[in-house]
Amino acid sequence: MLRVYENGVEIRALPASTGIPPLHTPAFLGHIGRYASTIYGYGELADNAWYVLTARGNIYIHGAPYTLSEGIKVYKEIESLGVRPSSHGCIRLYPADAEWLTAWDPQSAPILITPLDLSKEW
């Protein structure tokens, strides 16, 4: 889950998916960085991307990845959000939740990523 706080009060809990080991999302304490409208990686696009850190490549918070089929977005592994890791390290959200986060404007907001429980089989 990605939990959003304002003035110490949780205002939203967003189902998320993080990286699959060995590309798990690293534990991190810092601030959310710049906004990148749409990013491209691993043959897929993702909208509403917010830079977090660099670890084996750039790590973002972004909407679920997709490909385009005749101009229509076909989302990938959306069923894993809030259930299990499925990315190459980024933090994935439902597209509507990523849009909400962008409207909330998290740039420079503090972020804490807790370690993945590597004792589980994903």
PDB file of N, CA and C in Angstrom:
ATOM      1  N   MET A   1       0.842  -1.189   0.000  1.00  0.00           N
ATOM      2  CA  MET A   1       0.000   0.000   0.000  1.00  0.00           C
ATOM      3  C   MET A   1       0.879   1.241   0.000  1.00  0.00           C
ATOM      4  N   LEU A   2       0.420   2.236  -0.716  1.00  0.00           N
ATOM      5  CA  LEU A   2       1.047   3.546  -0.656  1.00  0.00           C
ATOM      6  C   LEU A   2       0.098   4.416   0.160  1.00  0.00           C
ATOM      7  N   ARG A   3       0.560   4.855   1.306  1.00  0.00           N
ATOM      8  CA  ARG A   3      -0.272   5.646   2.207  1.00  0.00           C
ATOM      9  C   ARG A   3       0.131   7.110   2.096  1.00  0.00           C
ATOM     10  N   VAL A   4      -0.857   7.970   1.896  1.00  0.00           N
ATOM     11  CA  VAL A   4      -0.620   9.397   1.719  1.00  0.00           C
ATOM     12  C   VAL A   4      -1.091  10.114   2.979  1.00  0.00           C
ATOM     13  N   TYR A   5      -0.201  10.927   3.543  1.00  0.00           N
ATOM     14  CA  TYR A   5      -0.493  11.660   4.778  1.00  0.00           C
ATOM     15  C   TYR A   5      -0.438  13.164   4.510  1.00  0.00           C
ATOM     16  N   GLU A   6      -1.303  13.862   5.203  1.00  0.00           N
ATOM     17  CA  GLU A   6      -1.298  15.322   5.173  1.00  0.00           C
ATOM     18  C   GLU A   6      -1.431  15.793   6.614  1.00  0.00           C
ATOM     19  N   ASN A   7      -0.468  16.586   7.072  1.00  0.00           N
ATOM     20  CA  ASN A   7      -0.451  17.064   8.458  1.00  0.00           C
ATOM     21  C   ASN A   7      -0.554  15.913   9.460  1.00  0.00           C
ATOM     22  N   GLY A   8       0.135  14.805   9.154  1.00  0.00           N
ATOM     23  CA  GLY A   8       0.172  13.665  10.057  1.00  0.00           C
ATOM     24  C   GLY A   8      -1.046  12.770  10.042  1.00  0.00           C
ATOM     25  N   VAL A   9      -2.008  13.064   9.155  1.00  0.00           N
ATOM     26  CA  VAL A   9      -3.242  12.279   9.072  1.00  0.00           C
ATOM     27  C   VAL A   9      -3.292  11.561   7.722  1.00  0.00           C
ATOM     28  N   GLU A  10      -3.547  10.257   7.767  1.00  0.00           N
ATOM     29  CA  GLU A  10      -3.666   9.515   6.509  1.00  0.00           C
ATOM     30  C   GLU A  10      -4.911   9.984   5.765  1.00  0.00           C
ATOM     31  N   ILE A  11      -4.710  10.439   4.517  1.00  0.00           N
ATOM     32  CA  ILE A  11      -5.843  10.905   3.717  1.00  0.00           C
ATOM     33  C   ILE A  11      -6.212   9.935   2.603  1.00  0.00           C
ATOM     34  N   ARG A  12      -5.319   9.014   2.318  1.00  0.00           N
ATOM     35  CA  ARG A  12      -5.615   8.059   1.248  1.00  0.00           C
ATOM     36  C   ARG A  12      -4.678   6.864   1.368  1.00  0.00           C
ATOM     37  N   ALA A  13      -5.189   5.673   1.105  1.00  0.00           N
ATOM     38  CA  ALA A  13      -4.390   4.452   1.017  1.00  0.00           C
ATOM     39  C   ALA A  13      -4.595   3.900  -0.384  1.00  0.00           C
ATOM     40  N   LEU A  14      -3.517   3.803  -1.134  1.00  0.00           N
ATOM     41  CA  LEU A  14      -3.594   3.407  -2.540  1.00  0.00           C
ATOM     42  C   LEU A  14      -2.965   2.022  -2.723  1.00  0.00           C
ATOM     43  N   PRO A  15      -3.716   1.053  -3.259  1.00  0.00           N
ATOM     44  CA  PRO A  15      -3.121  -0.251  -3.558  1.00  0.00           C
ATOM     45  C   PRO A  15      -1.963  -0.062  -4.533  1.00  0.00           C
ATOM     46  N   ALA A  16      -0.850  -0.702  -4.231  1.00  0.00           N
ATOM     47  CA  ALA A  16       0.361  -0.541  -5.043  1.00  0.00           C
ATOM     48  C   ALA A  16       1.028  -1.890  -5.257  1.00  0.00           C
ATOM     49  N   SER A  17       1.934  -1.902  -6.209  1.00  0.00           N
ATOM     50  CA  SER A  17       2.767  -3.071  -6.451  1.00  0.00           C
ATOM     51  C   SER A  17       4.202  -2.580  -6.585  1.00  0.00           C
ATOM     52  N   THR A  18       5.127  -3.333  -6.032  1.00  0.00           N
ATOM     53  CA  THR A  18       6.536  -2.960  -6.061  1.00  0.00           C
ATOM     54  C   THR A  18       7.326  -3.997  -6.863  1.00  0.00           C
ATOM     55  N   GLY A  19       8.647  -3.956  -6.735  1.00  0.00           N
ATOM     56  CA  GLY A  19       9.509  -4.796  -7.549  1.00  0.00           C
ATOM     57  C   GLY A  19       9.599  -6.243  -7.122  1.00  0.00           C
ATOM     58  N   ILE A  20       9.689  -7.106  -8.119  1.00  0.00           N
ATOM     59  CA  ILE A  20       9.865  -8.544  -7.915  1.00  0.00           C
ATOM     60  C   ILE A  20      11.339  -8.809  -7.613  1.00  0.00           C
ATOM     61  N   PRO A  21      11.643  -9.579  -6.569  1.00  0.00           N
ATOM     62  CA  PRO A  21      13.032  -9.952  -6.336  1.00  0.00           C
ATOM     63  C   PRO A  21      13.596 -10.680  -7.558  1.00  0.00           C
ATOM     64  N   PRO A  22      14.827 -10.456  -7.967  1.00  0.00           N
ATOM     65  CA  PRO A  22      15.848  -9.682  -7.262  1.00  0.00           C
ATOM     66  C   PRO A  22      15.782  -8.173  -7.551  1.00  0.00           C
ATOM     67  N   LEU A  23      14.820  -7.727  -8.319  1.00  0.00           N
ATOM     68  CA  LEU A  23      14.691  -6.300  -8.630  1.00  0.00           C
ATOM     69  C   LEU A  23      13.709  -5.613  -7.680  1.00  0.00           C
ATOM     70  N   HIS A  24      13.666  -6.094  -6.426  1.00  0.00           N
ATOM     71  CA  HIS A  24      12.732  -5.530  -5.463  1.00  0.00           C
ATOM     72  C   HIS A  24      13.001  -4.031  -5.265  1.00  0.00           C
ATOM     73  N   THR A  25      11.959  -3.340  -4.899  1.00  0.00           N
ATOM     74  CA  THR A  25      12.059  -1.913  -4.617  1.00  0.00           C
ATOM     75  C   THR A  25      12.864  -1.750  -3.331  1.00  0.00           C
ATOM     76  N   PRO A  26      13.950  -0.995  -3.376  1.00  0.00           N
ATOM     77  CA  PRO A  26      14.779  -0.885  -2.169  1.00  0.00           C
ATOM     78  C   PRO A  26      14.113  -0.037  -1.091  1.00  0.00           C
ATOM     79  N   ALA A  27      14.434  -0.367   0.161  1.00  0.00           N
ATOM     80  CA  ALA A  27      13.996   0.481   1.273  1.00  0.00           C
ATOM     81  C   ALA A  27      14.616   1.860   1.059  1.00  0.00           C
ATOM     82  N   PHE A  28      13.874   2.895   1.409  1.00  0.00           N
ATOM     83  CA  PHE A  28      14.341   4.260   1.126  1.00  0.00           C
ATOM     84  C   PHE A  28      13.648   5.250   2.043  1.00  0.00           C
ATOM     85  N   LEU A  29      14.387   6.260   2.451  1.00  0.00           N
ATOM     86  CA  LEU A  29      13.840   7.391   3.190  1.00  0.00           C
ATOM     87  C   LEU A  29      14.360   8.638   2.503  1.00  0.00           C
ATOM     88  N   GLY A  30      13.462   9.472   2.019  1.00  0.00           N
ATOM     89  CA  GLY A  30      13.871  10.672   1.301  1.00  0.00           C
ATOM     90  C   GLY A  30      12.672  11.508   0.919  1.00  0.00           C
ATOM     91  N   HIS A  31      12.751  12.112  -0.268  1.00  0.00           N
ATOM     92  CA  HIS A  31      11.673  12.970  -0.757  1.00  0.00           C
ATOM     93  C   HIS A  31      11.340  12.616  -2.201  1.00  0.00           C
ATOM     94  N   ILE A  32      10.095  12.795  -2.563  1.00  0.00           N
ATOM     95  CA  ILE A  32       9.660  12.539  -3.939  1.00  0.00           C
ATOM     96  C   ILE A  32      10.222  13.634  -4.838  1.00  0.00           C
ATOM     97  N   GLY A  33      10.710  13.216  -5.969  1.00  0.00           N
ATOM     98  CA  GLY A  33      11.368  14.133  -6.896  1.00  0.00           C
ATOM     99  C   GLY A  33      10.452  14.656  -7.978  1.00  0.00           C
ATOM    100  N   ARG A  34      11.055  14.903  -9.115  1.00  0.00           N
ATOM    101  CA  ARG A  34      10.393  15.569 -10.243  1.00  0.00           C
ATOM    102  C   ARG A  34       9.294  14.709 -10.872  1.00  0.00           C
ATOM    103  N   TYR A  35       8.424  15.388 -11.584  1.00  0.00           N
ATOM    104  CA  TYR A  35       7.315  14.754 -12.304  1.00  0.00           C
ATOM    105  C   TYR A  35       7.731  14.485 -13.741  1.00  0.00           C
ATOM    106  N   ALA A  36       7.372  13.320 -14.232  1.00  0.00           N
ATOM    107  CA  ALA A  36       7.585  12.968 -15.637  1.00  0.00           C
ATOM    108  C   ALA A  36       6.246  12.453 -16.149  1.00  0.00           C
ATOM    109  N   SER A  37       5.616  13.177 -17.001  1.00  0.00           N
ATOM    110  CA  SER A  37       4.267  12.847 -17.464  1.00  0.00           C
ATOM    111  C   SER A  37       4.133  11.386 -17.863  1.00  0.00           C
ATOM    112  N   THR A  38       4.917  10.955 -18.832  1.00  0.00           N
ATOM    113  CA  THR A  38       4.881   9.568 -19.309  1.00  0.00           C
ATOM    114  C   THR A  38       6.310   9.063 -19.430  1.00  0.00           C
ATOM    115  N   ILE A  39       6.542   7.861 -18.937  1.00  0.00           N
ATOM    116  CA  ILE A  39       7.859   7.249 -19.053  1.00  0.00           C
ATOM    117  C   ILE A  39       7.742   5.980 -19.894  1.00  0.00           C
ATOM    118  N   TYR A  40       8.898   5.511 -20.389  1.00  0.00           N
ATOM    119  CA  TYR A  40       8.951   4.319 -21.221  1.00  0.00           C
ATOM    120  C   TYR A  40      10.051   3.405 -20.695  1.00  0.00           C
ATOM    121  N   GLY A  41       9.738   2.138 -20.532  1.00  0.00           N
ATOM    122  CA  GLY A  41      10.741   1.164 -20.136  1.00  0.00           C
ATOM    123  C   GLY A  41      10.219  -0.243 -20.306  1.00  0.00           C
ATOM    124  N   TYR A  42      11.108  -1.152 -20.636  1.00  0.00           N
ATOM    125  CA  TYR A  42      10.765  -2.566 -20.801  1.00  0.00           C
ATOM    126  C   TYR A  42       9.643  -2.761 -21.823  1.00  0.00           C
ATOM    127  N   GLY A  43       9.608  -1.891 -22.841  1.00  0.00           N
ATOM    128  CA  GLY A  43       8.618  -2.025 -23.911  1.00  0.00           C
ATOM    129  C   GLY A  43       7.231  -1.525 -23.550  1.00  0.00           C
ATOM    130  N   GLU A  44       7.106  -0.829 -22.419  1.00  0.00           N
ATOM    131  CA  GLU A  44       5.797  -0.358 -21.965  1.00  0.00           C
ATOM    132  C   GLU A  44       5.860   1.119 -21.589  1.00  0.00           C
ATOM    133  N   LEU A  45       4.713   1.761 -21.596  1.00  0.00           N
ATOM    134  CA  LEU A  45       4.564   3.152 -21.178  1.00  0.00           C
ATOM    135  C   LEU A  45       3.912   3.181 -19.800  1.00  0.00           C
ATOM    136  N   ALA A  46       4.103   4.290 -19.084  1.00  0.00           N
ATOM    137  CA  ALA A  46       3.424   4.491 -17.795  1.00  0.00           C
ATOM    138  C   ALA A  46       3.227   5.992 -17.617  1.00  0.00           C
ATOM    139  N   ASP A  47       2.048   6.374 -17.176  1.00  0.00           N
ATOM    140  CA  ASP A  47       1.705   7.784 -17.003  1.00  0.00           C
ATOM    141  C   ASP A  47       1.802   8.210 -15.538  1.00  0.00           C
ATOM    142  N   ASN A  48       1.817   9.537 -15.355  1.00  0.00           N
ATOM    143  CA  ASN A  48       1.825  10.138 -14.017  1.00  0.00           C
ATOM    144  C   ASN A  48       2.968   9.589 -13.171  1.00  0.00           C
ATOM    145  N   ALA A  49       4.178   9.755 -13.676  1.00  0.00           N
ATOM    146  CA  ALA A  49       5.365   9.213 -13.025  1.00  0.00           C
ATOM    147  C   ALA A  49       6.059  10.266 -12.163  1.00  0.00           C
ATOM    148  N   TRP A  50       6.390   9.868 -10.947  1.00  0.00           N
ATOM    149  CA  TRP A  50       7.108  10.716  -9.994  1.00  0.00           C
ATOM    150  C   TRP A  50       8.411  10.026  -9.627  1.00  0.00           C
ATOM    151  N   TYR A  51       9.535  10.700  -9.871  1.00  0.00           N
ATOM    152  CA  TYR A  51      10.854  10.145  -9.580  1.00  0.00           C
ATOM    153  C   TYR A  51      11.047   9.975  -8.074  1.00  0.00           C
ATOM    154  N   VAL A  52      11.619   8.830  -7.692  1.00  0.00           N
ATOM    155  CA  VAL A  52      11.893   8.570  -6.285  1.00  0.00           C
ATOM    156  C   VAL A  52      13.401   8.431  -6.032  1.00  0.00           C
ATOM    157  N   LEU A  53      14.074   7.502  -6.714  1.00  0.00           N
ATOM    158  CA  LEU A  53      15.496   7.274  -6.483  1.00  0.00           C
ATOM    159  C   LEU A  53      16.091   6.479  -7.630  1.00  0.00           C
ATOM    160  N   THR A  54      17.409   6.331  -7.611  1.00  0.00           N
ATOM    161  CA  THR A  54      18.094   5.494  -8.588  1.00  0.00           C
ATOM    162  C   THR A  54      18.646   4.279  -7.867  1.00  0.00           C
ATOM    163  N   ALA A  55      18.298   3.106  -8.355  1.00  0.00           N
ATOM    164  CA  ALA A  55      18.800   1.832  -7.832  1.00  0.00           C
ATOM    165  C   ALA A  55      18.632   0.827  -8.964  1.00  0.00           C
ATOM    166  N   ARG A  56      19.723   0.437  -9.586  1.00  0.00           N
ATOM    167  CA  ARG A  56      19.640  -0.455 -10.759  1.00  0.00           C
ATOM    168  C   ARG A  56      18.777   0.199 -11.847  1.00  0.00           C
ATOM    169  N   GLY A  57      18.763   1.503 -11.917  1.00  0.00           N
ATOM    170  CA  GLY A  57      17.908   2.259 -12.842  1.00  0.00           C
ATOM    171  C   GLY A  57      17.006   3.172 -12.050  1.00  0.00           C
ATOM    172  N   ASN A  58      16.308   4.049 -12.720  1.00  0.00           N
ATOM    173  CA  ASN A  58      15.431   4.995 -12.034  1.00  0.00           C
ATOM    174  C   ASN A  58      14.195   4.298 -11.485  1.00  0.00           C
ATOM    175  N   ILE A  59      13.831   4.652 -10.277  1.00  0.00           N
ATOM    176  CA  ILE A  59      12.639   4.127  -9.611  1.00  0.00           C
ATOM    177  C   ILE A  59      11.620   5.262  -9.524  1.00  0.00           C
ATOM    178  N   TYR A  60      10.414   4.995 -10.002  1.00  0.00           N
ATOM    179  CA  TYR A  60       9.330   5.972  -9.994  1.00  0.00           C
ATOM    180  C   TYR A  60       8.114   5.404  -9.283  1.00  0.00           C
ATOM    181  N   ILE A  61       7.220   6.297  -8.892  1.00  0.00           N
ATOM    182  CA  ILE A  61       5.845   5.949  -8.562  1.00  0.00           C
ATOM    183  C   ILE A  61       5.073   6.319  -9.819  1.00  0.00           C
ATOM    184  N   HIS A  62       4.287   5.387 -10.368  1.00  0.00           N
ATOM    185  CA  HIS A  62       3.570   5.694 -11.613  1.00  0.00           C
ATOM    186  C   HIS A  62       2.328   4.826 -11.761  1.00  0.00           C
ATOM    187  N   GLY A  63       1.499   5.206 -12.716  1.00  0.00           N
ATOM    188  CA  GLY A  63       0.328   4.410 -13.047  1.00  0.00           C
ATOM    189  C   GLY A  63       0.754   3.079 -13.653  1.00  0.00           C
ATOM    190  N   ALA A  64      -0.157   2.128 -13.671  1.00  0.00           N
ATOM    191  CA  ALA A  64       0.129   0.803 -14.224  1.00  0.00           C
ATOM    192  C   ALA A  64       0.683   0.930 -15.640  1.00  0.00           C
ATOM    193  N   PRO A  65       1.675   0.114 -15.988  1.00  0.00           N
ATOM    194  CA  PRO A  65       2.241   0.174 -17.328  1.00  0.00           C
ATOM    195  C   PRO A  65       1.252  -0.340 -18.367  1.00  0.00           C
ATOM    196  N   TYR A  66       1.446   0.123 -19.585  1.00  0.00           N
ATOM    197  CA  TYR A  66       0.536  -0.268 -20.661  1.00  0.00           C
ATOM    198  C   TYR A  66       1.249  -0.249 -22.005  1.00  0.00           C
ATOM    199  N   THR A  67       0.639  -0.905 -22.960  1.00  0.00           N
ATOM    200  CA  THR A  67       1.017  -0.795 -24.364  1.00  0.00           C
ATOM    201  C   THR A  67      -0.195  -0.199 -25.079  1.00  0.00           C
ATOM    202  N   LEU A  68       0.042   0.276 -26.278  1.00  0.00           N
ATOM    203  CA  LEU A  68      -1.052   0.828 -27.080  1.00  0.00           C
ATOM    204  C   LEU A  68      -1.446  -0.164 -28.160  1.00  0.00           C
ATOM    205  N   SER A  69      -2.743  -0.404 -28.278  1.00  0.00           N
ATOM    206  CA  SER A  69      -3.280  -1.249 -29.336  1.00  0.00           C
ATOM    207  C   SER A  69      -4.350  -0.435 -30.054  1.00  0.00           C
ATOM    208  N   GLU A  70      -4.030  -0.009 -31.261  1.00  0.00           N
ATOM    209  CA  GLU A  70      -4.929   0.839 -32.045  1.00  0.00           C
ATOM    210  C   GLU A  70      -5.343   2.079 -31.258  1.00  0.00           C
ATOM    211  N   GLY A  71      -4.353   2.661 -30.540  1.00  0.00           N
ATOM    212  CA  GLY A  71      -4.590   3.885 -29.792  1.00  0.00           C
ATOM    213  C   GLY A  71      -5.254   3.701 -28.441  1.00  0.00           C
ATOM    214  N   ILE A  72      -5.526   2.460 -28.043  1.00  0.00           N
ATOM    215  CA  ILE A  72      -6.185   2.174 -26.760  1.00  0.00           C
ATOM    216  C   ILE A  72      -5.145   1.613 -25.788  1.00  0.00           C
ATOM    217  N   LYS A  73      -5.155   2.106 -24.556  1.00  0.00           N
ATOM    218  CA  LYS A  73      -4.225   1.625 -23.538  1.00  0.00           C
ATOM    219  C   LYS A  73      -4.641   0.230 -23.066  1.00  0.00           C
ATOM    220  N   VAL A  74      -3.686  -0.694 -23.132  1.00  0.00           N
ATOM    221  CA  VAL A  74      -3.889  -2.056 -22.637  1.00  0.00           C
ATOM    222  C   VAL A  74      -2.955  -2.211 -21.438  1.00  0.00           C
ATOM    223  N   TYR A  75      -3.543  -2.182 -20.225  1.00  0.00           N
ATOM    224  CA  TYR A  75      -2.751  -2.208 -19.000  1.00  0.00           C
ATOM    225  C   TYR A  75      -2.204  -3.600 -18.719  1.00  0.00           C
ATOM    226  N   LYS A  76      -1.013  -3.631 -18.134  1.00  0.00           N
ATOM    227  CA  LYS A  76      -0.311  -4.878 -17.827  1.00  0.00           C
ATOM    228  C   LYS A  76      -0.346  -5.167 -16.330  1.00  0.00           C
ATOM    229  N   GLU A  77      -0.640  -6.384 -15.970  1.00  0.00           N
ATOM    230  CA  GLU A  77      -0.581  -6.890 -14.592  1.00  0.00           C
ATOM    231  C   GLU A  77      -1.303  -5.996 -13.584  1.00  0.00           C
ATOM    232  N   ILE A  78      -2.410  -5.410 -13.987  1.00  0.00           N
ATOM    233  CA  ILE A  78      -3.164  -4.540 -13.085  1.00  0.00           C
ATOM    234  C   ILE A  78      -3.753  -5.330 -11.916  1.00  0.00           C
ATOM    235  N   GLU A  79      -3.947  -6.634 -12.112  1.00  0.00           N
ATOM    236  CA  GLU A  79      -4.506  -7.483 -11.053  1.00  0.00           C
ATOM    237  C   GLU A  79      -3.530  -7.677  -9.891  1.00  0.00           C
ATOM    238  N   SER A  80      -2.262  -7.337 -10.074  1.00  0.00           N
ATOM    239  CA  SER A  80      -1.278  -7.514  -9.001  1.00  0.00           C
ATOM    240  C   SER A  80      -1.242  -6.330  -8.025  1.00  0.00           C
ATOM    241  N   LEU A  81      -1.884  -5.217  -8.382  1.00  0.00           N
ATOM    242  CA  LEU A  81      -1.832  -4.028  -7.529  1.00  0.00           C
ATOM    243  C   LEU A  81      -2.481  -4.301  -6.179  1.00  0.00           C
ATOM    244  N   GLY A  82      -1.724  -4.040  -5.129  1.00  0.00           N
ATOM    245  CA  GLY A  82      -2.206  -4.294  -3.770  1.00  0.00           C
ATOM    246  C   GLY A  82      -2.137  -5.751  -3.362  1.00  0.00           C
ATOM    247  N   VAL A  83      -1.615  -6.619  -4.248  1.00  0.00           N
ATOM    248  CA  VAL A  83      -1.603  -8.062  -3.985  1.00  0.00           C
ATOM    249  C   VAL A  83      -0.179  -8.618  -3.890  1.00  0.00           C
ATOM    250  N   ARG A  84       0.658  -8.291  -4.880  1.00  0.00           N
ATOM    251  CA  ARG A  84       2.002  -8.873  -4.916  1.00  0.00           C
ATOM    252  C   ARG A  84       2.936  -7.978  -5.744  1.00  0.00           C
ATOM    253  N   PRO A  85       4.234  -8.122  -5.546  1.00  0.00           N
ATOM    254  CA  PRO A  85       5.197  -7.390  -6.368  1.00  0.00           C
ATOM    255  C   PRO A  85       5.078  -7.813  -7.833  1.00  0.00           C
ATOM    256  N   SER A  86       5.270  -6.857  -8.747  1.00  0.00           N
ATOM    257  CA  SER A  86       5.183  -7.214 -10.172  1.00  0.00           C
ATOM    258  C   SER A  86       6.032  -6.324 -11.068  1.00  0.00           C
ATOM    259  N   SER A  87       6.753  -5.375 -10.507  1.00  0.00           N
ATOM    260  CA  SER A  87       7.502  -4.437 -11.347  1.00  0.00           C
ATOM    261  C   SER A  87       8.989  -4.773 -11.370  1.00  0.00           C
ATOM    262  N   HIS A  88       9.748  -3.929 -12.055  1.00  0.00           N
ATOM    263  CA  HIS A  88      11.207  -4.040 -12.093  1.00  0.00           C
ATOM    264  C   HIS A  88      11.832  -3.137 -11.039  1.00  0.00           C
ATOM    265  N   GLY A  89      11.031  -2.671 -10.079  1.00  0.00           N
ATOM    266  CA  GLY A  89      11.533  -1.820  -8.996  1.00  0.00           C
ATOM    267  C   GLY A  89      10.660  -0.613  -8.729  1.00  0.00           C
ATOM    268  N   CYS A  90       9.903  -0.164  -9.737  1.00  0.00           N
ATOM    269  CA  CYS A  90       9.021   0.993  -9.551  1.00  0.00           C
ATOM    270  C   CYS A  90       7.823   0.640  -8.674  1.00  0.00           C
ATOM    271  N   ILE A  91       7.153   1.679  -8.204  1.00  0.00           N
ATOM    272  CA  ILE A  91       5.930   1.521  -7.417  1.00  0.00           C
ATOM    273  C   ILE A  91       4.765   1.822  -8.349  1.00  0.00           C
ATOM    274  N   ARG A  92       3.965   0.803  -8.621  1.00  0.00           N
ATOM    275  CA  ARG A  92       2.845   0.937  -9.564  1.00  0.00           C
ATOM    276  C   ARG A  92       1.536   1.203  -8.820  1.00  0.00           C
ATOM    277  N   LEU A  93       0.685   2.014  -9.448  1.00  0.00           N
ATOM    278  CA  LEU A  93      -0.638   2.342  -8.916  1.00  0.00           C
ATOM    279  C   LEU A  93      -1.690   2.138  -9.989  1.00  0.00           C
ATOM    280  N   TYR A  94      -2.950   2.036  -9.564  1.00  0.00           N
ATOM    281  CA  TYR A  94      -4.032   2.069 -10.541  1.00  0.00           C
ATOM    282  C   TYR A  94      -3.966   3.411 -11.268  1.00  0.00           C
ATOM    283  N   PRO A  95      -4.289   3.449 -12.546  1.00  0.00           N
ATOM    284  CA  PRO A  95      -4.221   4.709 -13.294  1.00  0.00           C
ATOM    285  C   PRO A  95      -4.989   5.861 -12.631  1.00  0.00           C
ATOM    286  N   ALA A  96      -6.179   5.611 -12.127  1.00  0.00           N
ATOM    287  CA  ALA A  96      -6.961   6.673 -11.474  1.00  0.00           C
ATOM    288  C   ALA A  96      -6.265   7.154 -10.198  1.00  0.00           C
ATOM    289  N   ASP A  97      -5.633   6.229  -9.454  1.00  0.00           N
ATOM    290  CA  ASP A  97      -4.911   6.619  -8.243  1.00  0.00           C
ATOM    291  C   ASP A  97      -3.665   7.436  -8.587  1.00  0.00           C
ATOM    292  N   ALA A  98      -2.988   7.076  -9.676  1.00  0.00           N
ATOM    293  CA  ALA A  98      -1.825   7.847 -10.115  1.00  0.00           C
ATOM    294  C   ALA A  98      -2.243   9.257 -10.538  1.00  0.00           C
ATOM    295  N   GLU A  99      -3.403   9.374 -11.171  1.00  0.00           N
ATOM    296  CA  GLU A  99      -3.925  10.696 -11.533  1.00  0.00           C
ATOM    297  C   GLU A  99      -4.237  11.510 -10.279  1.00  0.00           C
ATOM    298  N   TRP A 100      -4.844  10.854  -9.280  1.00  0.00           N
ATOM    299  CA  TRP A 100      -5.142  11.545  -8.025  1.00  0.00           C
ATOM    300  C   TRP A 100      -3.858  12.042  -7.373  1.00  0.00           C
ATOM    301  N   LEU A 101      -2.832  11.169  -7.317  1.00  0.00           N
ATOM    302  CA  LEU A 101      -1.567  11.541  -6.702  1.00  0.00           C
ATOM    303  C   LEU A 101      -0.951  12.741  -7.424  1.00  0.00           C
ATOM    304  N   THR A 102      -1.006  12.744  -8.737  1.00  0.00           N
ATOM    305  CA  THR A 102      -0.469  13.861  -9.503  1.00  0.00           C
ATOM    306  C   THR A 102      -1.228  15.147  -9.186  1.00  0.00           C
ATOM    307  N   ALA A 103      -2.540  15.075  -9.083  1.00  0.00           N
ATOM    308  CA  ALA A 103      -3.330  16.262  -8.738  1.00  0.00           C
ATOM    309  C   ALA A 103      -2.992  16.739  -7.324  1.00  0.00           C
ATOM    310  N   TRP A 104      -2.670  15.825  -6.421  1.00  0.00           N
ATOM    311  CA  TRP A 104      -2.286  16.173  -5.055  1.00  0.00           C
ATOM    312  C   TRP A 104      -0.911  16.846  -5.035  1.00  0.00           C
ATOM    313  N   ASP A 105      -0.081  16.563  -6.034  1.00  0.00           N
ATOM    314  CA  ASP A 105       1.247  17.154  -6.230  1.00  0.00           C
ATOM    315  C   ASP A 105       2.217  16.799  -5.108  1.00  0.00           C
ATOM    316  N   PRO A 106       2.762  15.568  -5.160  1.00  0.00           N
ATOM    317  CA  PRO A 106       3.626  15.111  -4.078  1.00  0.00           C
ATOM    318  C   PRO A 106       5.083  15.583  -4.153  1.00  0.00           C
ATOM    319  N   GLN A 107       5.448  16.397  -5.137  1.00  0.00           N
ATOM    320  CA  GLN A 107       6.853  16.786  -5.273  1.00  0.00           C
ATOM    321  C   GLN A 107       7.393  17.335  -3.963  1.00  0.00           C
ATOM    322  N   SER A 108       8.534  16.826  -3.554  1.00  0.00           N
ATOM    323  CA  SER A 108       9.252  17.174  -2.319  1.00  0.00           C
ATOM    324  C   SER A 108       8.614  16.604  -1.056  1.00  0.00           C
ATOM    325  N   ALA A 109       7.505  15.868  -1.180  1.00  0.00           N
ATOM    326  CA  ALA A 109       6.897  15.241   0.001  1.00  0.00           C
ATOM    327  C   ALA A 109       7.833  14.146   0.512  1.00  0.00           C
ATOM    328  N   PRO A 110       7.916  13.968   1.822  1.00  0.00           N
ATOM    329  CA  PRO A 110       8.741  12.880   2.347  1.00  0.00           C
ATOM    330  C   PRO A 110       8.161  11.528   1.939  1.00  0.00           C
ATOM    331  N   ILE A 111       9.053  10.570   1.741  1.00  0.00           N
ATOM    332  CA  ILE A 111       8.623   9.216   1.392  1.00  0.00           C
ATOM    333  C   ILE A 111       9.452   8.212   2.177  1.00  0.00           C
ATOM    334  N   LEU A 112       8.767   7.183   2.663  1.00  0.00           N
ATOM    335  CA  LEU A 112       9.412   6.077   3.350  1.00  0.00           C
ATOM    336  C   LEU A 112       8.970   4.804   2.641  1.00  0.00           C
ATOM    337  N   ILE A 113       9.931   4.057   2.128  1.00  0.00           N
ATOM    338  CA  ILE A 113       9.648   2.758   1.520  1.00  0.00           C
ATOM    339  C   ILE A 113      10.194   1.713   2.481  1.00  0.00           C
ATOM    340  N   THR A 114       9.305   0.874   2.985  1.00  0.00           N
ATOM    341  CA  THR A 114       9.734  -0.155   3.926  1.00  0.00           C
ATOM    342  C   THR A 114      10.265  -1.363   3.150  1.00  0.00           C
ATOM    343  N   PRO A 115      11.161  -2.120   3.766  1.00  0.00           N
ATOM    344  CA  PRO A 115      11.761  -3.264   3.061  1.00  0.00           C
ATOM    345  C   PRO A 115      10.717  -4.321   2.690  1.00  0.00           C
ATOM    346  N   LEU A 116      10.922  -4.950   1.553  1.00  0.00           N
ATOM    347  CA  LEU A 116      10.095  -6.069   1.127  1.00  0.00           C
ATOM    348  C   LEU A 116      10.416  -7.278   2.000  1.00  0.00           C
ATOM    349  N   ASP A 117       9.404  -8.025   2.372  1.00  0.00           N
ATOM    350  CA  ASP A 117       9.597  -9.255   3.144  1.00  0.00           C
ATOM    351  C   ASP A 117      10.105 -10.322   2.187  1.00  0.00           C
ATOM    352  N   LEU A 118      11.413 -10.503   2.162  1.00  0.00           N
ATOM    353  CA  LEU A 118      12.032 -11.448   1.234  1.00  0.00           C
ATOM    354  C   LEU A 118      11.886 -12.904   1.667  1.00  0.00           C
ATOM    355  N   SER A 119      11.269 -13.138   2.831  1.00  0.00           N
ATOM    356  CA  SER A 119      11.040 -14.508   3.272  1.00  0.00           C
ATOM    357  C   SER A 119       9.841 -15.123   2.559  1.00  0.00           C
ATOM    358  N   LYS A 120       9.004 -14.280   1.937  1.00  0.00           N
ATOM    359  CA  LYS A 120       7.837 -14.778   1.209  1.00  0.00           C
ATOM    360  C   LYS A 120       8.252 -15.207  -0.199  1.00  0.00           C
ATOM    361  N   GLU A 121       7.522 -16.154  -0.736  1.00  0.00           N
ATOM    362  CA  GLU A 121       7.712 -16.539  -2.130  1.00  0.00           C
ATOM    363  C   GLU A 121       6.749 -15.748  -2.970  1.00  0.00           C
ATOM    364  N   TRP A 122       7.260 -14.926  -3.841  1.00  0.00           N
ATOM    365  CA  TRP A 122       6.402 -14.117  -4.711  1.00  0.00           C
ATOM    366  C   TRP A 122       6.344 -14.815  -6.045  1.00  0.00           C
TER     367      TRP A 122
END
